[in-house]
Protein backbone atom coordinates (compact mmCIF):
# COMPACT_ATOMS: atom_id res chain seq x y z
CA LYS A 1 -33.68 44.34 24.98
CA LEU A 2 -36.28 45.37 22.41
CA HIS A 3 -36.08 44.74 18.70
CA PRO A 4 -38.43 45.72 15.84
CA ARG A 5 -38.73 42.12 14.65
CA PRO A 6 -41.39 39.60 15.65
CA ASP A 7 -39.24 36.88 17.21
CA VAL A 8 -41.39 36.60 20.32
CA LYS A 9 -44.77 38.25 20.81
CA ILE A 10 -46.34 39.01 24.16
CA ALA A 11 -50.08 38.32 24.34
CA GLY A 12 -50.46 38.63 20.59
CA VAL A 13 -48.99 42.15 20.47
CA GLY A 14 -45.90 42.89 18.41
CA LEU A 15 -43.76 43.93 21.37
CA VAL A 16 -40.65 41.82 21.12
CA VAL A 17 -38.31 40.65 23.84
CA ASP A 18 -35.07 39.07 22.63
CA LEU A 19 -34.08 36.15 24.81
CA GLN A 20 -30.38 35.47 24.24
CA GLN A 21 -29.46 32.16 25.95
CA GLY A 22 -32.70 32.84 27.77
CA ASP A 23 -35.10 31.67 30.38
CA GLY A 24 -38.84 32.02 29.83
CA PHE A 25 -41.94 34.19 30.03
CA ALA A 26 -44.65 34.38 32.64
CA TYR A 27 -47.88 35.66 31.06
CA LEU A 28 -50.00 37.46 33.65
CA ALA A 29 -52.76 39.01 31.49
CA GLY A 30 -53.74 39.68 27.89
CA GLY A 31 -52.42 42.78 26.21
CA GLY A 32 -55.55 43.81 24.35
CA ARG A 33 -55.24 46.47 21.66
CA GLU A 34 -53.66 49.23 23.73
CA GLY A 35 -50.02 50.12 23.37
CA LEU A 36 -47.45 48.41 25.56
CA SER A 37 -44.20 49.54 27.08
CA ALA A 38 -41.40 47.57 28.66
CA ARG A 39 -38.99 48.12 31.51
CA ALA A 40 -35.84 46.20 32.29
CA THR A 41 -33.76 46.00 35.44
CA LEU A 42 -30.22 44.67 35.50
CA SER A 43 -30.16 42.15 38.35
CA ARG A 44 -26.55 41.04 38.03
CA ARG A 45 -23.69 41.49 35.60
CA THR A 46 -20.46 39.58 35.19
CA ARG A 47 -17.72 40.07 32.66
CA GLU A 48 -19.46 37.71 30.25
CA PHE A 49 -23.15 37.60 31.22
CA SER A 50 -25.97 39.95 32.19
CA PHE A 51 -29.04 38.82 34.15
CA VAL A 52 -32.00 41.10 33.41
CA HIS A 53 -35.57 41.22 34.76
CA VAL A 54 -37.96 42.43 32.03
CA GLU A 55 -41.62 43.42 32.36
CA ALA A 56 -44.22 44.32 29.73
CA ILE A 57 -46.56 47.09 30.94
CA ASN A 58 -50.03 48.00 29.62
CA ALA A 59 -51.54 51.49 29.36
CA ALA A 60 -52.88 51.26 32.92
CA GLY A 61 -49.38 50.67 34.27
CA GLU A 62 -50.04 47.00 35.03
CA CYS A 63 -47.47 44.28 34.42
CA ILE A 64 -48.92 41.76 31.94
CA ALA A 65 -45.82 39.65 31.28
CA ARG A 66 -42.39 39.24 32.78
CA ALA A 67 -39.22 37.31 32.10
CA GLN A 68 -35.83 36.64 33.55
CA VAL A 69 -33.44 37.04 30.64
CA LEU A 70 -29.84 35.93 30.38
CA PHE A 71 -27.66 37.78 27.87
CA ARG A 72 -24.19 36.95 26.72
CA ASN A 73 -22.50 40.36 26.66
CA ALA A 74 -20.31 39.82 23.62
CA PRO A 75 -19.92 37.15 20.93
CA THR A 76 -17.19 34.66 21.73
CA GLY A 77 -16.27 33.99 18.12
CA SER A 78 -16.53 30.26 18.76
CA ALA A 79 -18.48 28.00 16.46
CA VAL A 80 -21.95 26.96 17.58
CA THR A 81 -22.63 23.23 17.48
CA HIS A 82 -25.76 21.17 18.07
CA PRO A 83 -24.55 17.87 19.58
CA ASN A 84 -27.97 16.21 19.71
CA GLN A 85 -31.57 16.56 18.63
CA PRO A 86 -34.52 15.66 20.89
CA GLN A 87 -35.35 11.97 20.78
CA ASP A 88 -36.72 9.14 22.87
CA PRO A 89 -34.58 9.33 26.03
CA PHE A 90 -34.67 5.57 26.54
CA THR A 91 -33.17 4.88 23.11
CA ALA A 92 -30.82 7.88 23.22
CA LEU A 93 -28.95 6.27 26.10
CA ALA A 94 -28.62 2.74 24.80
CA GLN A 95 -25.73 0.52 25.85
CA PRO A 96 -22.56 2.59 25.23
CA SER A 97 -19.83 1.27 23.00
CA GLU A 98 -16.51 -0.01 24.33
CA ALA A 99 -14.82 3.12 22.99
CA ALA A 100 -17.30 5.33 24.85
CA LEU A 101 -16.83 3.33 28.05
CA THR A 102 -13.06 3.80 27.81
CA ARG A 103 -13.37 7.52 27.13
CA PHE A 104 -16.11 8.50 29.60
CA GLY A 105 -15.87 5.78 32.25
CA PRO A 106 -13.44 7.78 34.44
CA MET A 107 -15.74 10.83 34.32
CA VAL A 108 -18.71 8.70 35.42
CA LYS A 109 -16.63 7.39 38.33
CA LEU A 110 -15.60 10.94 39.29
CA PHE A 111 -19.21 12.15 39.24
CA ASN A 112 -20.35 9.23 41.39
CA GLN A 113 -17.69 9.96 43.98
CA ALA A 114 -18.95 13.54 44.22
CA MET A 115 -22.61 12.49 44.20
CA GLY A 116 -22.10 9.99 46.99
CA ARG A 117 -20.84 12.74 49.28
CA ALA A 118 -23.22 15.54 48.36
CA HIS A 119 -26.40 13.77 47.22
CA PRO A 120 -27.11 10.42 48.93
CA GLY A 121 -29.00 7.97 46.75
CA CYS A 122 -28.04 9.71 43.49
CA THR A 123 -26.04 7.69 40.95
CA THR A 124 -24.64 8.65 37.56
CA GLU A 125 -25.47 5.68 35.34
CA TRP A 126 -23.99 7.12 32.16
CA MET A 127 -22.65 10.33 30.65
CA GLY A 128 -20.91 11.04 27.37
CA ASP A 129 -21.24 12.90 24.06
CA GLY A 130 -23.72 15.41 25.47
CA LEU A 131 -25.95 12.77 27.11
CA CYS A 132 -26.37 11.90 30.77
CA ARG A 133 -28.54 9.52 32.79
CA MET A 134 -28.81 9.67 36.59
CA ARG A 135 -30.87 7.71 39.11
CA GLN A 136 -32.26 9.05 42.38
CA ASP A 137 -33.36 6.46 44.93
CA ASP A 138 -36.47 7.10 47.01
CA ILE A 139 -34.94 7.52 50.46
CA PRO A 140 -36.49 9.12 53.58
CA GLU A 141 -34.21 12.17 53.73
CA HIS A 142 -35.43 13.33 50.31
CA ARG A 143 -39.17 13.08 51.08
CA ASP A 144 -41.46 15.97 51.97
CA TRP A 145 -44.28 16.00 54.55
CA ASN A 146 -46.51 14.06 52.11
CA GLY A 147 -44.03 11.21 51.79
CA GLN A 148 -43.18 12.25 48.23
CA ILE A 149 -39.75 13.04 46.80
CA SER A 150 -39.56 16.77 47.39
CA PRO A 151 -39.63 19.27 44.50
CA GLY A 152 -36.30 20.60 45.73
CA GLN A 153 -34.69 17.19 45.36
CA ILE A 154 -36.22 16.76 41.90
CA LEU A 155 -34.82 20.16 40.92
CA THR A 156 -31.40 19.10 42.21
CA LEU A 157 -31.58 15.91 40.13
CA LEU A 158 -32.53 17.92 37.04
CA ASP A 159 -29.66 20.34 37.64
CA ASN A 160 -27.09 17.59 38.22
CA THR A 161 -28.15 15.58 35.18
CA GLY A 162 -28.13 18.59 32.87
CA GLY A 163 -24.72 19.55 34.21
CA GLY A 164 -23.47 16.03 33.53
CA ALA A 165 -24.54 16.29 29.89
CA GLY A 166 -22.78 19.64 29.55
CA CYS A 167 -19.62 18.48 31.31
CA SER A 168 -19.35 15.43 29.05
CA LEU A 169 -18.70 17.77 26.10
CA ALA A 170 -15.93 19.71 27.84
CA ASP A 171 -12.40 19.31 26.52
CA ASP A 172 -10.97 20.41 29.87
CA LEU A 173 -13.24 20.25 32.91
CA GLY A 174 -12.43 23.05 35.32
CA MET A 175 -15.05 25.40 36.78
CA ALA A 176 -18.70 24.49 36.06
CA VAL A 177 -21.80 26.50 36.95
CA THR A 178 -25.53 26.52 36.20
CA LEU A 179 -26.60 29.87 34.74
CA SER A 180 -30.35 29.37 34.39
CA ILE A 181 -32.86 26.62 34.97
CA GLN A 182 -36.57 26.13 34.18
CA THR A 183 -38.62 23.24 35.56
CA ALA A 184 -42.19 21.98 35.16
CA PHE A 185 -43.45 19.44 37.69
CA CYS A 186 -45.93 17.03 36.09
CA GLU A 187 -47.07 14.76 38.92
CA PRO A 188 -45.99 13.68 42.41
CA ALA A 189 -43.04 11.31 42.73
CA ALA A 190 -43.48 8.68 45.42
CA GLY A 191 -42.91 4.99 46.00
CA GLU A 192 -40.26 4.55 43.32
CA ALA A 193 -36.85 5.78 42.29
CA LEU A 194 -36.44 8.46 39.63
CA VAL A 195 -34.42 8.28 36.42
CA ALA A 196 -33.32 11.52 34.74
CA HIS A 197 -32.19 11.84 31.12
CA ALA A 198 -30.38 14.94 29.84
CA THR A 199 -29.51 15.89 26.27
CA SER A 200 -27.27 18.80 25.25
CA LEU A 201 -28.98 20.48 22.31
CA ARG A 202 -26.69 23.47 21.70
CA ARG A 203 -23.08 24.23 22.58
CA GLU A 204 -20.94 27.34 22.19
CA ASP A 205 -17.56 27.81 23.85
CA GLY A 206 -18.35 25.82 26.98
CA LEU A 207 -21.96 27.06 27.18
CA THR A 208 -24.55 24.30 26.72
CA HIS A 209 -28.35 24.30 26.60
CA ASN A 210 -29.68 21.04 28.00
CA LEU A 211 -33.08 19.37 27.95
CA VAL A 212 -33.81 17.17 30.99
CA GLN A 213 -36.67 14.73 31.55
CA ILE A 214 -37.33 12.87 34.82
CA PHE A 215 -39.32 9.63 34.89
CA GLY A 216 -40.46 7.15 37.51
CA ALA A 217 -37.99 4.27 37.32
CA GLU A 218 -40.73 1.62 37.44
CA SER A 219 -43.83 3.41 36.16
CA LEU A 220 -41.93 5.25 33.37
CA ARG A 221 -44.32 8.16 33.91
CA LEU A 222 -42.98 11.67 33.33
CA LYS A 223 -42.55 13.39 36.69
CA ALA A 224 -40.80 16.61 35.65
CA PHE A 225 -38.96 18.18 32.74
CA GLY A 226 -37.02 21.33 32.14
CA THR A 227 -34.11 23.10 30.54
CA MET A 228 -30.90 24.37 32.02
CA THR A 229 -28.06 26.52 30.72
CA HIS A 230 -24.66 25.30 31.87
CA LEU A 231 -21.19 26.81 31.59
CA VAL A 232 -17.88 24.95 31.80
CA ARG A 233 -14.55 26.74 31.94
CA PRO A 234 -11.18 24.98 31.55
CA SER A 235 -8.97 24.53 34.57
CA LYS A 236 -6.36 27.21 35.13
CA ARG A 237 -2.84 26.18 34.22
């Protein structure tokens, strides 16, 4: 979706791609001074969302940038809230109050029951008010051929923790689904458990945008970070 306003520039050229609820760019080459064009392909469409692959093309017909873009097809009319702002994840998840324990304790227990079946070694330590902390033990079934916790398992931990933050804001927890996810892997994870912290930064009608950081439990070194867009729908009555 192209707009004549400089929200996002590709390679310094004023070609704009509007990322609504979006993912990210992959820059493949500089744009230079020649004119650019863009092409978009609808990958999937639901009643509420459209998933679009977008490419920026130079004068030689070469793709210089591409993005997977997630659009919300129509405004929901719901108010947009920002439950949290980025902060130190270790202070953001300090000891919860008694009121928070009473309110969110059952949800933590429910998540742990599900995690125990689907993801061995993964524990929800806390979730509530758009925050979530999970721990992933270093167990053999999650290691790759190098003896490190596999990227796939780290991605699963990021997804689960971000989903926990989003679910903790839901008034009625029914269907939940991850719509988009972006991850950067910083360094190998081996020889220690992982702790993931998620913060919901924006919420609109069950749709949350969540920032997730994954640290070594003992070293406290950043292993991976990313963002995920999560949707919760109320249960059907």
